[in-house]
Amino acid sequence: MYRLALLAAALLAGGCTDASGPAPPASGPGAPEFAVAAATPIVFDRENSKLGEIGTTIWQGFHPTNPHVGDAIIVTFFWPGSTNIVTSVIDYLVDGTPVGNTYTLVEYVTAGGLSMATYVATNVQNFPDPNPDQNKVLVVQANLSSPIPDGGAIMSAYSGVNAVSAWAVGAHQSTSGSGSSPSIAAPGAITAGAGALAYAVTLADTEVGIDAPIGFSYITNISDPALKADARYAVQGSVGPVAPQWTWYFDSPAAPRTWLATVLALNPSLHFVFTVQPSTTLPYAALLPHHASREGHRARRVGQPGFELHRLSDDQDWEQRRHSPARHALWYDDGGRRERRRHVPGSEHRPAGEWVHAGGHRAGAERRREPAVQYWTALTRSRGPRFAERHG
């Protein structure tokens, strides 16, 4: 386990690159290069919404069917007012069973007597999937510090979002504006990575027509005489700017109307992929026997054509072995120093004065020969290529 942890750390420290930029040069000959890619694509799961809520809570259930366990939930609350009066966001089942997911405030915006707050929960858990009946439907609720005369919520769930909240939430921003004639509502541009979800929502204080952002898919559109909201999403095919904009068809010369808009990005779950395959073995990386014969042995990395580990003939003495240009288990010609490299300790004890050759035989004061044990480990080196030793 310790070796695996060291290997993972070496891979992360030495090979990772941001998916939004080019890979840096390799750190040395044969060094691998990595890129980050979405493990699974983000997919819209389901939504639910409401308007006309009064009092000190805004709540809504995912009727008729719960989202999937592990989804990310985005919920936007809106109400008349100029301060954020949301004290907490909780979830529970219709029958009152607490669920306990964490909802984090991502954006709050207010202007012209309107407020809109957007919260995100990632990797949601602790509810039936699917729900067996309507008493087991998941409910999300905002608790308010003062009562409201009208309010609502739009909530939507997505699979494939990174499970770690700090890594899931990307760029986000909000803006506001007003107009008495058709007006563009745009939260501004953010940068989203390949595979990221862009979520966009707008709110106005009147029930008028609206044109949706180009390139975004519909989530929902809800309205009453005092409020109207529209929410959209898009999954990015590549790294780049995201700049949704709506057109509100205001027509009130004597009384300008207010709009709010928010955009945020959620990042996908990630895995690492090779952009350049390694040509040398990293510390603790396993080598597999490829071919053995009297003339020599070959070793290769998993999934890679490998270099050869040659076995010298039995009648060559140690000086010949040490100065041989062939690569073998204990020596490598590194500019004349011919330093002895420390091997990874195996599970067996080797008496002092013995060493292990690539040919699979021990040699010592009596040059006795013993059968080889067929497994490979990697030599630990501070730099340069790594070669395998074969324990025997």
Protein backbone atom coordinates (compact mmCIF):
# COMPACT_ATOMS: atom_id res chain seq x y z
CA MET A 1 0.00 0.00 0.00
CA TYR A 2 2.87 2.36 0.87
CA ARG A 3 4.49 1.73 -2.51
CA LEU A 4 1.20 2.41 -4.29
CA ALA A 5 0.81 5.67 -2.40
CA LEU A 6 4.31 6.75 -3.42
CA LEU A 7 3.60 5.86 -7.03
CA ALA A 8 0.37 7.87 -6.99
CA ALA A 9 2.17 10.83 -5.51
CA ALA A 10 4.88 10.60 -8.15
CA LEU A 11 2.31 10.49 -10.92
CA LEU A 12 0.41 13.46 -9.56
CA ALA A 13 3.48 15.54 -8.82
CA GLY A 14 5.36 14.76 -11.98
CA GLY A 15 2.82 14.23 -14.69
CA CYS A 16 -0.43 16.13 -14.20
CA THR A 17 -1.49 18.98 -16.43
CA ASP A 18 -4.53 21.19 -16.38
CA ALA A 19 -7.09 20.22 -19.00
CA SER A 20 -7.49 23.90 -19.83
CA GLY A 21 -3.92 24.36 -21.01
CA PRO A 22 -1.11 22.65 -22.95
CA ALA A 23 1.01 20.00 -21.30
CA PRO A 24 4.37 21.27 -20.02
CA PRO A 25 7.58 19.75 -21.34
CA ALA A 26 8.54 16.40 -19.91
CA SER A 27 10.85 16.54 -16.90
CA GLY A 28 13.42 14.23 -18.42
CA PRO A 29 14.05 11.62 -21.10
CA GLY A 30 11.17 9.25 -21.31
CA ALA A 31 9.11 11.06 -18.69
CA PRO A 32 5.34 10.54 -19.00
CA GLU A 33 2.92 13.38 -19.57
CA PHE A 34 -0.64 13.36 -18.30
CA ALA A 35 -3.87 15.19 -19.03
CA VAL A 36 -7.06 15.41 -17.02
CA ALA A 37 -10.25 14.16 -18.64
CA ALA A 38 -13.84 13.72 -17.53
CA ALA A 39 -14.40 10.24 -16.15
CA THR A 40 -18.09 10.30 -17.12
CA PRO A 41 -19.99 13.11 -18.85
CA ILE A 42 -22.26 15.36 -16.86
CA VAL A 43 -25.90 14.56 -17.62
CA PHE A 44 -29.05 16.44 -16.64
CA ASP A 45 -31.10 14.24 -14.32
CA ARG A 46 -34.31 16.04 -13.29
CA GLU A 47 -35.79 19.34 -12.07
CA ASN A 48 -38.64 20.74 -10.03
CA SER A 49 -39.73 24.27 -9.20
CA LYS A 50 -42.40 26.46 -7.64
CA LEU A 51 -43.59 30.05 -7.19
CA GLY A 52 -46.07 31.71 -4.85
CA GLU A 53 -44.40 30.70 -1.58
CA ILE A 54 -45.15 32.92 1.45
CA GLY A 55 -43.89 32.93 5.03
CA THR A 56 -40.46 32.06 6.42
CA THR A 57 -39.58 29.05 4.25
CA ILE A 58 -39.23 28.26 0.56
CA TRP A 59 -39.37 24.53 -0.08
CA GLN A 60 -39.93 22.13 -2.94
CA GLY A 61 -39.82 18.35 -3.43
CA PHE A 62 -38.47 16.35 -6.37
CA HIS A 63 -41.93 15.02 -7.24
CA PRO A 64 -42.61 12.44 -8.54
CA THR A 65 -39.12 10.85 -8.60
CA ASN A 66 -35.99 11.51 -6.58
CA PRO A 67 -32.68 12.38 -8.22
CA HIS A 68 -29.95 9.76 -8.15
CA VAL A 69 -27.73 9.22 -5.15
CA GLY A 70 -24.41 10.89 -5.97
CA ASP A 71 -25.97 13.68 -8.05
CA ALA A 72 -25.18 17.35 -7.66
CA ILE A 73 -28.19 19.59 -6.91
CA ILE A 74 -28.36 23.25 -7.88
CA VAL A 75 -31.17 25.23 -6.25
CA THR A 76 -31.92 28.91 -6.85
CA PHE A 77 -34.23 30.75 -4.44
CA PHE A 78 -35.78 34.12 -5.27
CA TRP A 79 -37.97 36.58 -3.38
CA PRO A 80 -38.79 40.31 -3.19
CA GLY A 81 -36.24 42.04 -0.97
CA SER A 82 -32.80 43.62 -0.85
CA THR A 83 -30.92 41.40 1.62
CA ASN A 84 -30.06 37.71 1.80
CA ILE A 85 -32.45 36.45 4.46
CA VAL A 86 -31.66 32.76 3.90
CA THR A 87 -30.31 31.43 7.20
CA SER A 88 -29.89 27.80 6.14
CA VAL A 89 -30.72 25.31 3.39
CA ILE A 90 -31.66 21.78 4.47
CA ASP A 91 -33.11 18.64 2.95
CA TYR A 92 -35.44 15.96 4.25
CA LEU A 93 -38.01 13.45 3.04
CA VAL A 94 -41.70 14.29 2.75
CA ASP A 95 -42.37 12.09 5.80
CA GLY A 96 -40.06 14.35 7.85
CA THR A 97 -36.95 12.14 7.88
CA PRO A 98 -33.82 14.36 7.92
CA VAL A 99 -31.40 13.74 5.04
CA GLY A 100 -28.48 15.99 5.91
CA ASN A 101 -26.74 17.03 2.70
CA THR A 102 -24.73 20.27 2.71
CA TYR A 103 -25.88 23.14 0.48
CA THR A 104 -23.26 25.83 -0.14
CA LEU A 105 -24.07 29.38 -1.21
CA VAL A 106 -22.38 30.05 -4.55
CA GLU A 107 -24.01 33.32 -5.70
CA TYR A 108 -26.29 35.95 -4.23
CA VAL A 109 -27.40 39.01 -6.22
CA THR A 110 -29.88 41.79 -5.46
CA ALA A 111 -31.09 44.91 -7.25
CA GLY A 112 -34.33 46.91 -7.57
CA GLY A 113 -36.00 45.11 -4.66
CA LEU A 114 -35.29 41.61 -6.01
CA SER A 115 -33.08 38.91 -4.48
CA MET A 116 -31.75 35.65 -5.93
CA ALA A 117 -29.50 33.13 -4.17
CA THR A 118 -28.02 29.97 -5.72
CA TYR A 119 -26.83 27.01 -3.64
CA VAL A 120 -25.05 23.79 -4.66
CA ALA A 121 -24.86 20.37 -2.99
CA THR A 122 -22.56 17.71 -4.45
CA ASN A 123 -22.62 13.93 -4.10
CA VAL A 124 -26.04 13.94 -2.40
CA GLN A 125 -26.76 10.89 -0.22
CA ASN A 126 -29.15 9.33 2.32
CA PHE A 127 -32.42 9.12 0.40
CA PRO A 128 -34.20 6.33 -1.50
CA ASP A 129 -33.21 6.00 -5.16
CA PRO A 130 -35.77 5.52 -6.54
CA ASN A 131 -38.34 6.57 -3.95
CA PRO A 132 -40.93 3.83 -3.30
CA ASP A 133 -43.73 6.36 -2.78
CA GLN A 134 -44.37 10.09 -2.47
CA ASN A 135 -43.66 10.06 1.27
CA LYS A 136 -40.02 9.32 0.44
CA VAL A 137 -39.54 12.20 -2.00
CA LEU A 138 -36.50 14.42 -1.32
CA VAL A 139 -37.39 18.00 -0.28
CA VAL A 140 -35.01 20.99 -0.31
CA GLN A 141 -35.91 23.95 1.90
CA ALA A 142 -34.54 27.45 2.54
CA ASN A 143 -35.16 28.82 6.02
CA LEU A 144 -35.64 32.60 6.10
CA SER A 145 -35.01 35.13 8.84
CA SER A 146 -38.14 37.14 7.94
CA PRO A 147 -41.38 36.37 6.08
CA ILE A 148 -41.84 37.03 2.37
CA PRO A 149 -45.02 37.85 0.41
CA ASP A 150 -43.94 35.83 -2.63
CA GLY A 151 -41.04 33.59 -3.49
CA GLY A 152 -39.98 30.47 -5.26
CA ALA A 153 -37.25 28.03 -6.16
CA ILE A 154 -35.83 26.25 -9.20
CA MET A 155 -33.87 23.12 -8.45
CA SER A 156 -32.16 20.70 -10.82
CA ALA A 157 -29.99 17.61 -10.42
CA TYR A 158 -27.06 16.35 -12.52
CA SER A 159 -25.02 13.17 -12.58
CA GLY A 160 -21.29 13.10 -13.35
CA VAL A 161 -20.35 16.18 -11.29
CA ASN A 162 -17.20 15.98 -9.18
CA ALA A 163 -18.11 14.60 -5.76
CA VAL A 164 -15.82 17.00 -3.85
CA SER A 165 -17.55 20.36 -3.45
CA ALA A 166 -14.33 22.39 -3.45
CA TRP A 167 -13.34 20.83 -6.79
CA ALA A 168 -16.84 20.74 -8.26
CA VAL A 169 -17.66 24.45 -8.21
CA GLY A 170 -15.88 26.39 -10.91
CA ALA A 171 -16.15 30.01 -11.97
CA HIS A 172 -19.34 31.90 -11.18
CA GLN A 173 -20.68 35.45 -11.24
CA SER A 174 -23.87 37.52 -11.27
CA THR A 175 -25.02 40.89 -12.58
CA SER A 176 -28.21 42.94 -12.65
CA GLY A 177 -29.83 45.63 -14.76
CA SER A 178 -33.07 47.37 -15.64
CA GLY A 179 -34.99 48.59 -18.65
CA SER A 180 -38.34 49.85 -19.87
CA SER A 181 -38.01 48.29 -23.35
CA PRO A 182 -36.53 45.01 -24.62
CA SER A 183 -33.33 44.51 -22.64
CA ILE A 184 -30.37 42.13 -22.72
CA ALA A 185 -29.80 40.29 -19.44
CA ALA A 186 -26.33 38.79 -19.19
CA PRO A 187 -24.34 37.74 -16.14
CA GLY A 188 -21.06 38.14 -18.04
CA ALA A 189 -18.58 35.57 -19.30
CA ILE A 190 -16.87 32.87 -17.25
CA THR A 191 -14.38 30.24 -18.36
CA ALA A 192 -15.47 26.62 -18.09
CA GLY A 193 -13.40 23.51 -18.71
CA ALA A 194 -14.07 20.71 -21.15
CA GLY A 195 -16.96 18.61 -19.90
CA ALA A 196 -18.05 21.21 -17.34
CA LEU A 197 -21.68 22.11 -16.73
CA ALA A 198 -22.68 25.74 -17.22
CA TYR A 199 -25.82 26.65 -15.28
CA ALA A 200 -27.55 29.96 -15.99
CA VAL A 201 -30.63 31.56 -14.42
CA THR A 202 -32.36 34.92 -14.69
CA LEU A 203 -35.16 36.62 -12.73
CA ALA A 204 -37.31 39.69 -13.45
CA ASP A 205 -39.99 41.55 -11.52
CA THR A 206 -42.62 41.27 -14.22
CA GLU A 207 -44.31 38.62 -16.32
CA VAL A 208 -43.22 39.36 -19.90
CA GLY A 209 -41.80 37.47 -22.85
CA ILE A 210 -38.20 36.30 -22.91
CA ASP A 211 -35.70 34.94 -25.45
CA ALA A 212 -33.42 32.19 -24.13
CA PRO A 213 -29.61 32.02 -24.44
CA ILE A 214 -28.29 30.42 -27.60
CA GLY A 215 -26.67 27.03 -27.11
CA PHE A 216 -28.32 26.31 -23.76
CA SER A 217 -30.84 23.60 -22.97
CA TYR A 218 -34.11 24.24 -21.18
CA ILE A 219 -34.52 23.48 -17.47
CA THR A 220 -37.70 25.37 -16.62
CA ASN A 221 -39.53 28.69 -16.88
CA ILE A 222 -41.89 29.78 -14.10
CA SER A 223 -43.86 32.96 -13.47
CA ASP A 224 -46.62 34.71 -11.60
CA PRO A 225 -47.79 38.35 -11.95
CA ALA A 226 -44.92 39.63 -9.75
CA LEU A 227 -41.96 37.37 -10.65
CA LYS A 228 -40.65 35.42 -13.62
CA ALA A 229 -37.59 33.13 -13.76
CA ASP A 230 -35.88 31.11 -16.48
CA ALA A 231 -33.11 28.51 -16.02
CA ARG A 232 -30.87 26.83 -18.63
CA TYR A 233 -27.81 24.59 -18.78
CA ALA A 234 -25.08 23.55 -21.24
CA VAL A 235 -22.29 20.96 -21.07
CA GLN A 236 -19.06 22.31 -22.54
CA GLY A 237 -17.39 20.41 -25.36
CA SER A 238 -14.06 22.21 -24.85
CA VAL A 239 -12.38 24.78 -22.65
CA GLY A 240 -13.61 28.30 -23.30
CA PRO A 241 -15.80 31.22 -22.32
CA VAL A 242 -19.45 30.83 -21.39
CA ALA A 243 -21.58 33.95 -21.78
CA PRO A 244 -25.34 33.32 -21.67
CA GLN A 245 -27.70 36.16 -22.42
CA TRP A 246 -31.46 36.53 -22.47
CA THR A 247 -33.68 39.21 -23.94
CA TRP A 248 -36.44 40.42 -21.62
CA TYR A 249 -39.26 42.09 -23.54
CA PHE A 250 -39.97 44.87 -21.09
CA ASP A 251 -42.61 47.38 -22.18
CA SER A 252 -43.13 49.82 -19.34
CA PRO A 253 -41.89 53.34 -20.25
CA ALA A 254 -43.14 54.83 -17.00
CA ALA A 255 -41.66 52.15 -14.72
CA PRO A 256 -38.38 50.46 -15.61
CA ARG A 257 -38.20 46.78 -14.74
CA THR A 258 -35.33 44.94 -13.01
CA TRP A 259 -33.54 41.78 -14.04
CA LEU A 260 -30.96 39.60 -12.26
CA ALA A 261 -28.74 36.93 -13.86
CA THR A 262 -26.30 34.30 -12.59
CA VAL A 263 -23.97 31.84 -14.30
CA LEU A 264 -21.84 29.15 -12.66
CA ALA A 265 -19.77 26.15 -13.73
CA LEU A 266 -19.69 22.70 -12.16
CA ASN A 267 -16.73 20.48 -12.99
CA PRO A 268 -16.98 16.80 -13.90
CA SER A 269 -15.45 13.86 -12.10
CA LEU A 270 -11.90 13.42 -13.36
CA HIS A 271 -9.39 10.73 -14.22
CA PHE A 272 -5.83 10.92 -15.52
CA VAL A 273 -4.81 9.78 -19.00
CA PHE A 274 -1.43 9.51 -20.73
CA THR A 275 -0.75 12.08 -23.42
CA VAL A 276 2.83 10.78 -23.76
CA GLN A 277 3.51 7.21 -22.67
CA PRO A 278 6.54 6.79 -20.38
CA SER A 279 9.71 5.29 -21.80
CA THR A 280 11.37 4.86 -18.41
CA THR A 281 10.00 3.25 -15.30
CA LEU A 282 8.91 5.47 -12.43
CA PRO A 283 9.81 4.46 -8.86
CA TYR A 284 7.94 1.36 -7.71
CA ALA A 285 6.34 0.79 -11.11
CA ALA A 286 6.09 -2.92 -11.87
CA LEU A 287 7.96 -4.54 -14.71
CA LEU A 288 6.81 -7.80 -16.22
CA PRO A 289 9.05 -10.60 -17.57
CA HIS A 290 8.77 -10.59 -21.35
CA HIS A 291 11.26 -13.13 -22.64
CA ALA A 292 13.99 -15.29 -21.12
CA SER A 293 16.69 -17.22 -22.90
CA ARG A 294 20.31 -18.20 -22.41
CA GLU A 295 21.38 -15.15 -24.38
CA GLY A 296 19.56 -12.64 -22.20
CA HIS A 297 16.38 -11.43 -20.60
CA ARG A 298 13.92 -8.76 -21.61
CA ALA A 299 11.72 -6.72 -19.31
CA ARG A 300 8.89 -4.42 -20.21
CA ARG A 301 6.58 -2.03 -18.41
CA VAL A 302 2.91 -2.93 -18.30
CA GLY A 303 1.45 -2.19 -21.70
CA GLN A 304 4.77 -0.93 -23.14
CA PRO A 305 7.50 -2.32 -25.37
CA GLY A 306 10.54 -2.33 -23.12
CA PHE A 307 14.30 -2.09 -23.08
CA GLU A 308 16.41 -5.19 -22.57
CA LEU A 309 18.03 -6.35 -19.36
CA HIS A 310 20.95 -8.47 -20.55
CA ARG A 311 22.45 -11.38 -18.60
CA LEU A 312 26.19 -11.62 -18.94
CA SER A 313 27.78 -14.98 -19.45
CA ASP A 314 28.60 -17.01 -16.37
CA ASP A 315 32.38 -16.93 -16.95
CA GLN A 316 32.68 -13.14 -16.89
CA ASP A 317 34.11 -11.82 -13.66
CA TRP A 318 32.73 -8.91 -11.65
CA GLU A 319 35.05 -6.33 -13.23
CA GLN A 320 33.74 -7.31 -16.66
CA ARG A 321 30.20 -7.03 -15.36
CA ARG A 322 30.84 -3.65 -13.79
CA HIS A 323 32.37 -2.13 -16.94
CA SER A 324 30.04 -3.80 -19.39
CA PRO A 325 27.94 -1.33 -21.45
CA ALA A 326 25.00 -3.69 -21.00
CA ARG A 327 22.29 -2.54 -18.62
CA HIS A 328 21.77 -4.94 -15.76
CA ALA A 329 20.17 -5.05 -12.39
CA LEU A 330 22.73 -3.26 -10.24
CA TRP A 331 24.84 -1.06 -12.51
CA TYR A 332 24.20 1.61 -15.11
CA ASP A 333 26.82 3.64 -16.98
CA ASP A 334 26.03 7.20 -15.90
CA GLY A 335 29.01 9.20 -17.08
CA GLY A 336 31.81 7.16 -15.62
CA ARG A 337 30.68 7.08 -12.00
CA ARG A 338 29.12 3.63 -12.34
CA GLU A 339 27.37 4.05 -9.04
CA ARG A 340 25.72 1.13 -7.36
CA ARG A 341 21.97 1.73 -7.27
CA ARG A 342 19.89 0.88 -4.21
CA HIS A 343 17.17 -1.63 -4.99
CA VAL A 344 13.67 -1.82 -3.55
CA PRO A 345 13.82 -4.20 -0.58
CA GLY A 346 12.04 -7.45 -1.28
CA SER A 347 10.20 -9.67 1.14
CA GLU A 348 13.13 -12.09 1.52
CA HIS A 349 16.38 -11.63 3.45
CA ARG A 350 19.62 -11.71 1.46
CA PRO A 351 22.88 -12.44 3.31
CA ALA A 352 25.58 -9.79 3.20
CA GLY A 353 27.98 -9.95 0.28
CA GLU A 354 25.40 -11.16 -2.24
CA TRP A 355 23.88 -9.28 -5.12
CA VAL A 356 21.27 -10.05 -7.75
CA HIS A 357 21.92 -10.04 -11.49
CA ALA A 358 19.36 -9.59 -14.25
CA GLY A 359 20.00 -13.19 -15.14
CA GLY A 360 18.26 -14.28 -12.00
CA HIS A 361 21.21 -15.79 -10.09
CA ARG A 362 22.82 -14.75 -6.87
CA ALA A 363 26.56 -14.21 -6.81
CA GLY A 364 28.81 -13.92 -3.77
CA ALA A 365 32.11 -15.04 -2.38
CA GLU A 366 31.44 -18.61 -3.55
CA ARG A 367 29.54 -17.57 -6.74
CA ARG A 368 26.87 -20.14 -5.95
CA ARG A 369 23.84 -20.33 -8.21
CA GLU A 370 20.23 -20.61 -7.08
CA PRO A 371 16.91 -20.76 -8.94
CA ALA A 372 15.28 -17.44 -9.70
CA VAL A 373 11.96 -16.30 -8.24
CA GLN A 374 9.81 -14.99 -11.09
CA TYR A 375 8.83 -11.48 -10.09
CA TRP A 376 10.08 -7.98 -10.82
CA THR A 377 10.33 -4.76 -8.86
CA ALA A 378 11.75 -1.39 -9.78
CA LEU A 379 14.97 0.18 -8.59
CA THR A 380 14.62 3.41 -6.66
CA ARG A 381 16.72 6.14 -8.21
CA SER A 382 17.02 9.86 -7.55
CA ARG A 383 17.01 10.59 -11.27
CA GLY A 384 17.47 9.05 -14.69
CA PRO A 385 16.12 5.77 -16.09
CA ARG A 386 14.96 3.00 -13.77
CA PHE A 387 15.78 -0.62 -14.38
CA ALA A 388 14.27 -3.76 -12.95
CA GLU A 389 15.95 -6.28 -10.79
CA ARG A 390 14.91 -9.85 -10.58
CA HIS A 391 15.03 -11.34 -7.10
CA GLY A 392 16.37 -14.79 -6.68
